[in-house]
Amino acid sequence: MWKESILKLLKLDGLVGNLTGYIETRVELVKLEIKEDIAKAVARLTVLVAVLAVVSLFILFFSVSIALLIGEYLGFFEGFAIVAGFYLLLAIIFVALRSSVSEALEKKLLEKIGEQ
């Protein structure tokens, strides 16, 4: 009660009301921006997962077709063994270079995040 009468006396009640309204509006704006950022991230992640699935299927079918092609000339088992060996070699290279690849990827991601 005293607080209200002092505010009215000093004509600060309108200022307090405006400030309160401003803060509430600002909080709502931040909430909306966060929701928008989350929606964008989920949409990008969904597209990324879909692209990765399609690329994975492409690699799978391409690998089988290469294995069958090699198998026509060298034998069925040998064709698949050569393709499997190729992927084993890729895995060994990735394991050997994992720290430098990880650092480069982290740097790129931080740059991307910094741009937004």
Protein backbone atom coordinates (compact mmCIF):
# COMPACT_ATOMS: atom_id res chain seq x y z
CA MET A 1 0.00 0.00 0.00
CA TRP A 2 2.75 2.47 0.92
CA LYS A 3 4.67 1.36 -2.12
CA GLU A 4 1.77 2.14 -4.44
CA SER A 5 1.13 5.55 -2.89
CA ILE A 6 4.80 6.53 -3.12
CA LEU A 7 4.93 5.40 -6.75
CA LYS A 8 1.80 7.43 -7.54
CA LEU A 9 3.18 10.44 -5.72
CA LEU A 10 6.38 10.33 -7.74
CA LYS A 11 4.44 9.38 -10.91
CA LEU A 12 6.57 6.29 -11.31
CA ASP A 13 3.69 3.83 -11.43
CA GLY A 14 3.46 4.19 -15.23
CA LEU A 15 7.20 3.78 -15.58
CA VAL A 16 7.17 0.62 -13.47
CA GLY A 17 4.25 -0.72 -15.52
CA ASN A 18 6.06 0.04 -18.79
CA LEU A 19 9.26 -1.54 -17.52
CA THR A 20 7.40 -4.65 -16.38
CA GLY A 21 5.66 -4.88 -19.75
CA TYR A 22 8.98 -4.45 -21.54
CA ILE A 23 10.61 -7.23 -19.52
CA GLU A 24 7.68 -9.59 -20.10
CA THR A 25 7.72 -8.84 -23.82
CA ARG A 26 11.46 -9.40 -23.95
CA VAL A 27 11.12 -12.77 -22.19
CA GLU A 28 8.42 -13.83 -24.67
CA LEU A 29 10.62 -12.75 -27.58
CA VAL A 30 13.52 -14.82 -26.27
CA LYS A 31 11.21 -17.82 -25.86
CA LEU A 32 10.00 -17.45 -29.45
CA GLU A 33 13.56 -17.13 -30.74
CA ILE A 34 14.59 -20.27 -28.87
CA LYS A 35 11.60 -22.16 -30.28
CA GLU A 36 12.50 -20.97 -33.78
CA ASP A 37 16.13 -22.04 -33.37
CA ILE A 38 15.06 -25.46 -32.10
CA ALA A 39 12.66 -25.89 -35.03
CA LYS A 40 15.42 -24.98 -37.49
CA ALA A 41 17.85 -27.39 -35.85
CA VAL A 42 15.33 -30.25 -35.89
CA ALA A 43 14.48 -29.56 -39.54
CA ARG A 44 18.16 -29.53 -40.52
CA LEU A 45 18.79 -32.70 -38.54
CA THR A 46 15.85 -34.43 -40.23
CA VAL A 47 17.14 -33.48 -43.67
CA LEU A 48 20.64 -34.62 -42.72
CA VAL A 49 19.36 -37.99 -41.51
CA ALA A 50 17.37 -38.46 -44.73
CA VAL A 51 20.38 -37.57 -46.89
CA LEU A 52 22.63 -39.89 -44.87
CA ALA A 53 20.12 -42.73 -45.29
CA VAL A 54 19.96 -42.25 -49.06
CA VAL A 55 23.75 -41.97 -49.37
CA SER A 56 24.17 -45.08 -47.22
CA LEU A 57 21.81 -47.03 -49.46
CA PHE A 58 23.67 -45.79 -52.53
CA ILE A 59 27.01 -46.89 -51.09
CA LEU A 60 25.55 -50.27 -50.12
CA PHE A 61 24.10 -51.02 -53.55
CA PHE A 62 27.12 -49.62 -55.36
CA SER A 63 29.41 -51.80 -53.24
CA VAL A 64 27.35 -54.91 -53.99
CA SER A 65 27.38 -54.13 -57.70
CA ILE A 66 31.17 -53.61 -57.69
CA ALA A 67 31.62 -56.84 -55.73
CA LEU A 68 29.47 -58.72 -58.26
CA LEU A 69 31.39 -57.15 -61.16
CA ILE A 70 34.74 -58.15 -59.66
CA GLY A 71 33.23 -61.53 -58.82
CA GLU A 72 32.50 -62.20 -62.51
CA TYR A 73 36.22 -62.04 -63.29
CA LEU A 74 37.86 -63.38 -60.13
CA GLY A 75 35.16 -65.42 -58.44
CA PHE A 76 32.14 -64.65 -56.32
CA PHE A 77 33.90 -64.77 -52.93
CA GLU A 78 36.94 -62.82 -54.13
CA GLY A 79 34.80 -59.91 -55.39
CA PHE A 80 33.14 -59.44 -52.01
CA ALA A 81 36.46 -59.97 -50.21
CA ILE A 82 38.11 -57.20 -52.25
CA VAL A 83 35.27 -54.76 -51.55
CA ALA A 84 35.33 -55.71 -47.85
CA GLY A 85 39.10 -55.20 -47.82
CA PHE A 86 38.65 -51.74 -49.34
CA TYR A 87 36.25 -50.78 -46.53
CA LEU A 88 38.62 -52.27 -43.97
CA LEU A 89 41.42 -50.11 -45.40
CA LEU A 90 39.16 -47.03 -45.16
CA ALA A 91 38.35 -47.89 -41.54
CA ILE A 92 42.06 -48.23 -40.69
CA ILE A 93 42.78 -44.85 -42.32
CA PHE A 94 39.92 -43.21 -40.39
CA VAL A 95 41.12 -44.70 -37.10
CA ALA A 96 44.68 -43.55 -37.79
CA LEU A 97 43.54 -40.02 -38.66
CA ARG A 98 40.64 -39.75 -36.21
CA SER A 99 42.16 -37.04 -34.01
CA SER A 100 43.06 -34.71 -36.89
CA VAL A 101 39.71 -35.35 -38.61
CA SER A 102 37.90 -34.75 -35.33
CA GLU A 103 39.76 -31.49 -34.72
CA ALA A 104 39.07 -30.26 -38.26
CA LEU A 105 35.40 -31.18 -37.98
CA GLU A 106 35.12 -29.48 -34.59
CA LYS A 107 36.72 -26.33 -36.01
CA LYS A 108 34.30 -26.28 -38.96
CA LEU A 109 31.30 -26.81 -36.68
CA LEU A 110 32.39 -24.01 -34.37
CA GLU A 111 32.79 -21.71 -37.38
CA LYS A 112 29.30 -22.64 -38.59
CA ILE A 113 27.79 -22.07 -35.16
CA GLY A 114 29.62 -18.73 -34.88
CA GLU A 115 28.12 -17.56 -38.20
CA GLN A 116 24.59 -17.95 -36.92
